[in-house]
Amino acid sequence: MKPIQAINNTTIDLSVADKNWRAELELGFSVKADRTILRKRRSVGPLVIQRPFYPEDGVCHVYVLHPPGGIVGGDKLTTTINVDDGANVLLTTPGASKLYRSKKIFSAQKNYLNVNTGSLEWFPQECISFSGAHGVNRTKVCLHRQARFIGWEILCLGRPAANEVFEKGKVSMRFDIWRDDKPLLLDYLKITGADELLTAPWGLRSYPCNATFIAVGVNQLLMETLRKKVTLKSDAIAGMTRIEDVLICRFLGHQAEHAKEYFTQLWRHLREAVIGKTICEPRIWGT
């Protein structure tokens, strides 16, 4: 009998476990002498980081690397981040991740982000899902007390530049935020190739790129300010709302770059209010 594992209520065949990547990355951050330091680093398989960077005072920038680049059916990548009291961390990736087509064998990417009274900014580059890909992506953010968080996730379906649309395959995205063991946001999206959701006016409206920006610690006045100051520079559409102090912004467009441009504007206008710092873009974004 083939081994089966359930993730997000999706049955996944992991019988090819010996043929695929099993990668784990665990990072721990704390404060020492008024500086955020990387106190723990554990890596298994092809999931690693470069050395920490300090382009601004009080914030540790880290780039998470997956050297193979592509993710195939059966791959399982797990990232765990622990941010101690007073630490301030920004994580990003050097490039897009790619979900390659597979014969109904799912890949799984799981991110567990735990933040005490410090702050975490989570900015992975886009995930490109080829037609025929089968993937599950789950991010769970656990905040404690007055912890602060800003993050985004960007999903591109198919490869429009190659005239490829997402005609088959399945991708599910889940993003949960908890504070002191109570849910603030439970967000779940399941996409099946050729499904009505892809083209319906109540769904993705034939846009290949859909993305979500989330910030915790945003009041109504700040959200109204964002609505006035942040604009779209393309034919994309976007909207924002607030649940308690959680800002959620949805984006639909044709290119991941347009999503990142829009989200960077949001970040620029709210970072000081939420994190207490002015914007400092990671250098790798400009390379």
Protein backbone atom coordinates (compact mmCIF):
# COMPACT_ATOMS: atom_id res chain seq x y z
CA MET A 1 0.00 0.00 0.00
CA LYS A 2 1.29 3.44 -0.86
CA PRO A 3 1.84 5.80 2.09
CA ILE A 4 -0.65 8.62 2.19
CA GLN A 5 -0.51 11.93 4.06
CA ALA A 6 -3.29 14.50 4.35
CA ILE A 7 -2.48 18.21 4.21
CA ASN A 8 -5.21 20.85 4.27
CA ASN A 9 -7.82 18.11 3.71
CA THR A 10 -6.06 17.11 0.48
CA THR A 11 -4.89 13.51 0.12
CA ILE A 12 -1.31 13.42 -1.07
CA ASP A 13 0.61 10.44 -2.36
CA LEU A 14 4.09 10.43 -0.82
CA SER A 15 5.14 7.06 -2.18
CA VAL A 16 7.99 8.73 -4.09
CA ALA A 17 9.57 10.00 -0.88
CA ASP A 18 12.95 8.44 -1.58
CA LYS A 19 13.13 10.08 -5.01
CA ASN A 20 12.32 13.66 -3.99
CA TRP A 21 13.65 16.46 -1.84
CA ARG A 22 12.91 16.60 1.88
CA ALA A 23 14.24 19.95 3.01
CA GLU A 24 13.97 21.67 6.40
CA LEU A 25 15.20 25.03 7.61
CA GLU A 26 14.91 26.24 11.20
CA LEU A 27 16.08 29.72 12.23
CA GLY A 28 16.03 31.41 15.62
CA PHE A 29 16.61 35.13 16.25
CA SER A 30 17.25 36.98 19.49
CA VAL A 31 18.70 40.26 20.71
CA LYS A 32 22.28 40.64 21.89
CA ALA A 33 23.86 43.99 22.71
CA ASP A 34 20.94 45.86 21.09
CA ARG A 35 21.33 43.91 17.86
CA THR A 36 19.20 41.14 16.35
CA ILE A 37 21.37 38.07 15.88
CA LEU A 38 20.88 34.67 14.30
CA ARG A 39 21.12 32.47 17.39
CA LYS A 40 20.13 29.20 15.75
CA ARG A 41 20.41 27.76 12.27
CA ARG A 42 19.52 24.19 11.35
CA SER A 43 19.31 23.02 7.76
CA VAL A 44 18.48 19.65 6.24
CA GLY A 45 18.54 19.18 2.48
CA PRO A 46 18.49 21.97 -0.13
CA LEU A 47 17.04 24.78 1.95
CA VAL A 48 19.64 27.23 3.26
CA ILE A 49 20.35 30.89 3.96
CA GLN A 50 23.09 33.35 3.18
CA ARG A 51 24.76 35.16 6.06
CA PRO A 52 22.59 37.77 7.83
CA PHE A 53 22.75 41.34 6.50
CA TYR A 54 22.35 44.60 8.43
CA PRO A 55 21.52 47.34 5.91
CA GLU A 56 19.55 49.25 8.57
CA ASP A 57 19.76 49.69 12.32
CA GLY A 58 17.84 47.22 14.42
CA VAL A 59 16.68 44.83 11.67
CA CYS A 60 18.33 41.60 10.53
CA HIS A 61 17.80 40.79 6.83
CA VAL A 62 18.03 37.15 5.75
CA TYR A 63 17.71 35.58 2.29
CA VAL A 64 16.26 32.06 2.15
CA LEU A 65 17.61 29.96 -0.74
CA HIS A 66 16.30 26.79 -2.37
CA PRO A 67 19.20 25.96 -4.75
CA PRO A 68 17.25 23.53 -7.01
CA GLY A 69 14.85 26.38 -7.81
CA GLY A 70 12.04 24.13 -9.00
CA ILE A 71 9.69 22.05 -6.86
CA VAL A 72 8.32 18.77 -8.20
CA GLY A 73 5.67 16.32 -7.03
CA GLY A 74 6.68 14.63 -3.80
CA ASP A 75 9.02 17.42 -2.64
CA LYS A 76 8.42 18.63 0.89
CA LEU A 77 9.93 21.90 2.13
CA THR A 78 9.46 23.06 5.73
CA THR A 79 10.63 26.39 7.13
CA THR A 80 10.38 27.28 10.84
CA ILE A 81 11.20 30.80 12.05
CA ASN A 82 11.33 31.78 15.74
CA VAL A 83 11.70 35.47 16.64
CA ASP A 84 12.42 36.20 20.31
CA ASP A 85 11.39 39.25 22.34
CA GLY A 86 12.68 42.51 20.88
CA ALA A 87 14.18 40.98 17.73
CA ASN A 88 13.35 42.47 14.31
CA VAL A 89 13.71 40.28 11.23
CA LEU A 90 13.07 40.63 7.49
CA LEU A 91 13.11 37.48 5.33
CA THR A 92 12.94 37.29 1.56
CA THR A 93 14.09 35.03 -1.29
CA PRO A 94 16.45 35.78 -4.19
CA GLY A 95 14.04 34.66 -6.90
CA ALA A 96 10.75 33.03 -7.79
CA SER A 97 9.96 29.46 -6.84
CA LYS A 98 8.50 27.17 -9.49
CA LEU A 99 5.98 24.36 -9.13
CA TYR A 100 6.58 21.93 -11.99
CA ARG A 101 3.92 19.66 -13.46
CA SER A 102 3.50 16.23 -11.94
CA LYS A 103 1.27 13.20 -12.34
CA LYS A 104 -1.11 14.04 -9.49
CA ILE A 105 1.72 13.77 -6.95
CA PHE A 106 1.61 16.76 -4.62
CA SER A 107 4.46 18.85 -3.36
CA ALA A 108 4.16 20.57 0.03
CA GLN A 109 5.64 23.83 1.28
CA LYS A 110 5.00 24.62 4.93
CA ASN A 111 6.12 27.74 6.78
CA TYR A 112 5.78 28.15 10.55
CA LEU A 113 6.49 31.70 11.71
CA ASN A 114 6.55 32.32 15.48
CA VAL A 115 7.00 35.86 16.80
CA ASN A 116 7.09 36.98 20.43
CA THR A 117 7.17 40.74 21.12
CA GLY A 118 9.48 41.40 18.18
CA SER A 119 8.63 41.90 14.51
CA LEU A 120 8.80 39.79 11.37
CA GLU A 121 8.54 40.88 7.76
CA TRP A 122 7.94 37.96 5.38
CA PHE A 123 8.45 38.78 1.68
CA PRO A 124 9.02 35.66 -0.47
CA GLN A 125 9.23 36.19 -4.20
CA GLU A 126 6.41 34.85 -6.33
CA CYS A 127 5.53 31.18 -6.76
CA ILE A 128 4.99 30.20 -10.41
CA SER A 129 2.71 27.20 -10.84
CA PHE A 130 3.09 25.46 -14.19
CA SER A 131 0.00 23.94 -15.78
CA GLY A 132 -0.29 20.39 -14.45
CA ALA A 133 1.38 21.20 -11.13
CA HIS A 134 0.02 19.80 -7.88
CA GLY A 135 1.05 21.74 -4.81
CA VAL A 136 0.08 22.69 -1.28
CA ASN A 137 1.45 25.83 0.36
CA ARG A 138 0.70 26.58 4.00
CA THR A 139 1.94 29.49 6.10
CA LYS A 140 1.03 29.72 9.77
CA VAL A 141 1.96 32.85 11.73
CA CYS A 142 1.81 32.65 15.53
CA LEU A 143 2.05 36.03 17.27
CA HIS A 144 2.42 36.56 21.00
CA ARG A 145 1.40 39.62 22.94
CA GLN A 146 2.29 42.76 20.94
CA ALA A 147 4.25 41.03 18.16
CA ARG A 148 4.16 42.75 14.78
CA PHE A 149 3.94 41.20 11.32
CA ILE A 150 3.90 42.30 7.68
CA GLY A 151 3.97 39.81 4.83
CA TRP A 152 2.80 38.78 1.40
CA GLU A 153 2.28 35.78 -0.84
CA ILE A 154 2.19 35.95 -4.65
CA LEU A 155 0.94 33.12 -6.86
CA CYS A 156 1.28 33.08 -10.66
CA LEU A 157 -0.77 30.47 -12.53
CA GLY A 158 0.70 29.17 -15.76
CA ARG A 159 3.28 31.01 -17.83
CA PRO A 160 1.60 33.77 -19.86
CA ALA A 161 4.88 34.73 -21.57
CA ALA A 162 4.97 31.21 -23.02
CA ASN A 163 1.23 31.28 -23.81
CA GLU A 164 0.61 28.67 -21.12
CA VAL A 165 -2.55 28.93 -19.03
CA PHE A 166 -3.32 26.86 -15.95
CA GLU A 167 -5.48 24.25 -17.70
CA LYS A 168 -4.87 21.35 -15.34
CA GLY A 169 -3.45 20.62 -11.92
CA LYS A 170 -4.35 21.65 -8.38
CA VAL A 171 -2.88 24.25 -6.06
CA SER A 172 -4.06 25.10 -2.57
CA MET A 173 -2.84 28.09 -0.57
CA ARG A 174 -3.47 28.60 3.13
CA PHE A 175 -2.37 31.54 5.28
CA ASP A 176 -3.28 31.56 8.98
CA ILE A 177 -2.52 34.18 11.60
CA TRP A 178 -2.95 33.50 15.30
CA ARG A 179 -2.35 35.69 18.33
CA ASP A 180 -1.98 34.07 21.75
CA ASP A 181 -3.65 30.88 20.47
CA LYS A 182 -6.65 32.73 19.01
CA PRO A 183 -7.22 32.96 15.24
CA LEU A 184 -7.05 36.40 13.63
CA LEU A 185 -7.19 35.21 10.02
CA LEU A 186 -7.78 31.80 8.41
CA ASP A 187 -7.37 32.25 4.67
CA TYR A 188 -7.73 29.35 2.22
CA LEU A 189 -7.71 29.22 -1.58
CA LYS A 190 -8.00 26.05 -3.65
CA ILE A 191 -7.47 26.26 -7.41
CA THR A 192 -8.15 23.50 -9.94
CA GLY A 193 -7.12 23.80 -13.58
CA ALA A 194 -9.93 24.78 -15.96
CA ASP A 195 -12.21 25.48 -12.97
CA GLU A 196 -14.83 28.26 -13.24
CA LEU A 197 -13.01 30.09 -10.43
CA LEU A 198 -10.21 31.02 -12.86
CA THR A 199 -12.41 33.05 -15.19
CA ALA A 200 -15.56 33.94 -13.24
CA PRO A 201 -16.21 37.61 -12.34
CA TRP A 202 -16.56 36.50 -8.71
CA GLY A 203 -13.23 34.62 -8.97
CA LEU A 204 -9.86 35.36 -10.55
CA ARG A 205 -11.33 37.01 -13.68
CA SER A 206 -8.73 35.38 -15.98
CA TYR A 207 -5.86 37.17 -14.23
CA PRO A 208 -2.87 34.79 -13.95
CA CYS A 209 -1.39 36.53 -10.90
CA ASN A 210 -3.20 36.68 -7.56
CA ALA A 211 -1.58 37.91 -4.39
CA THR A 212 -2.32 38.83 -0.79
CA PHE A 213 -0.66 41.41 1.45
CA ILE A 214 -1.20 41.22 5.21
CA ALA A 215 -0.18 43.54 8.05
CA VAL A 216 -1.03 43.21 11.74
CA GLY A 217 -1.39 46.37 13.80
CA VAL A 218 -3.29 48.61 11.35
CA ASN A 219 -6.10 50.90 12.51
CA GLN A 220 -8.94 52.32 10.43
CA LEU A 221 -7.28 55.70 9.93
CA LEU A 222 -4.11 54.11 8.55
CA MET A 223 -6.12 51.95 6.15
CA GLU A 224 -7.99 55.00 4.83
CA THR A 225 -4.65 56.77 4.34
CA LEU A 226 -3.38 53.81 2.31
CA ARG A 227 -6.47 53.89 0.11
CA LYS A 228 -5.75 57.53 -0.75
CA LYS A 229 -1.99 57.35 -1.25
CA VAL A 230 -1.38 53.95 -2.85
CA THR A 231 -2.28 53.57 -6.51
CA LEU A 232 -2.13 50.84 -9.14
CA LYS A 233 0.10 51.55 -12.15
CA SER A 234 -1.28 48.86 -14.42
CA ASP A 235 -4.54 47.28 -15.51
CA ALA A 236 -4.58 45.22 -12.32
CA ILE A 237 -7.29 45.43 -9.68
CA ALA A 238 -6.94 45.46 -5.91
CA GLY A 239 -8.94 45.99 -2.77
CA MET A 240 -8.33 46.10 0.95
CA THR A 241 -10.23 45.48 4.13
CA ARG A 242 -9.52 45.17 7.85
CA ILE A 243 -10.49 42.51 10.41
CA GLU A 244 -9.81 43.91 13.86
CA ASP A 245 -6.24 45.20 13.43
CA VAL A 246 -5.34 42.91 10.50
CA LEU A 247 -5.10 44.60 7.11
CA ILE A 248 -5.78 42.28 4.13
CA CYS A 249 -5.13 43.49 0.59
CA ARG A 250 -6.03 41.37 -2.45
CA PHE A 251 -4.42 41.84 -5.85
CA LEU A 252 -5.28 40.45 -9.30
CA GLY A 253 -3.06 41.26 -12.25
CA HIS A 254 -1.06 40.01 -15.21
CA GLN A 255 2.45 40.20 -13.74
CA ALA A 256 4.07 39.45 -10.40
CA GLU A 257 6.14 42.62 -10.77
CA HIS A 258 2.97 44.70 -10.67
CA ALA A 259 1.94 42.98 -7.44
CA LYS A 260 5.34 43.64 -5.87
CA GLU A 261 5.28 47.29 -6.96
CA TYR A 262 1.85 47.75 -5.40
CA PHE A 263 2.72 45.89 -2.20
CA THR A 264 5.98 47.83 -1.84
CA GLN A 265 3.95 51.04 -1.89
CA LEU A 266 1.77 49.67 0.90
CA TRP A 267 4.87 48.67 2.85
CA ARG A 268 6.43 52.10 2.39
CA HIS A 269 3.41 53.90 3.81
CA LEU A 270 2.70 51.64 6.78
CA ARG A 271 6.07 50.24 7.91
CA GLU A 272 6.90 53.09 10.26
CA ALA A 273 3.49 52.87 11.93
CA VAL A 274 3.64 49.08 12.33
CA ILE A 275 7.35 48.27 12.70
CA GLY A 276 8.72 51.67 13.72
CA LYS A 277 11.16 51.78 10.79
CA THR A 278 11.24 53.55 7.44
CA ILE A 279 11.40 51.37 4.35
CA CYS A 280 14.71 49.69 3.49
CA GLU A 281 14.40 47.40 0.46
CA PRO A 282 16.61 44.30 0.44
CA ARG A 283 19.52 44.81 -1.94
CA ILE A 284 18.81 41.52 -3.69
CA TRP A 285 15.54 42.94 -5.06
CA GLY A 286 17.58 45.25 -7.26
CA THR A 287 19.81 42.57 -8.78
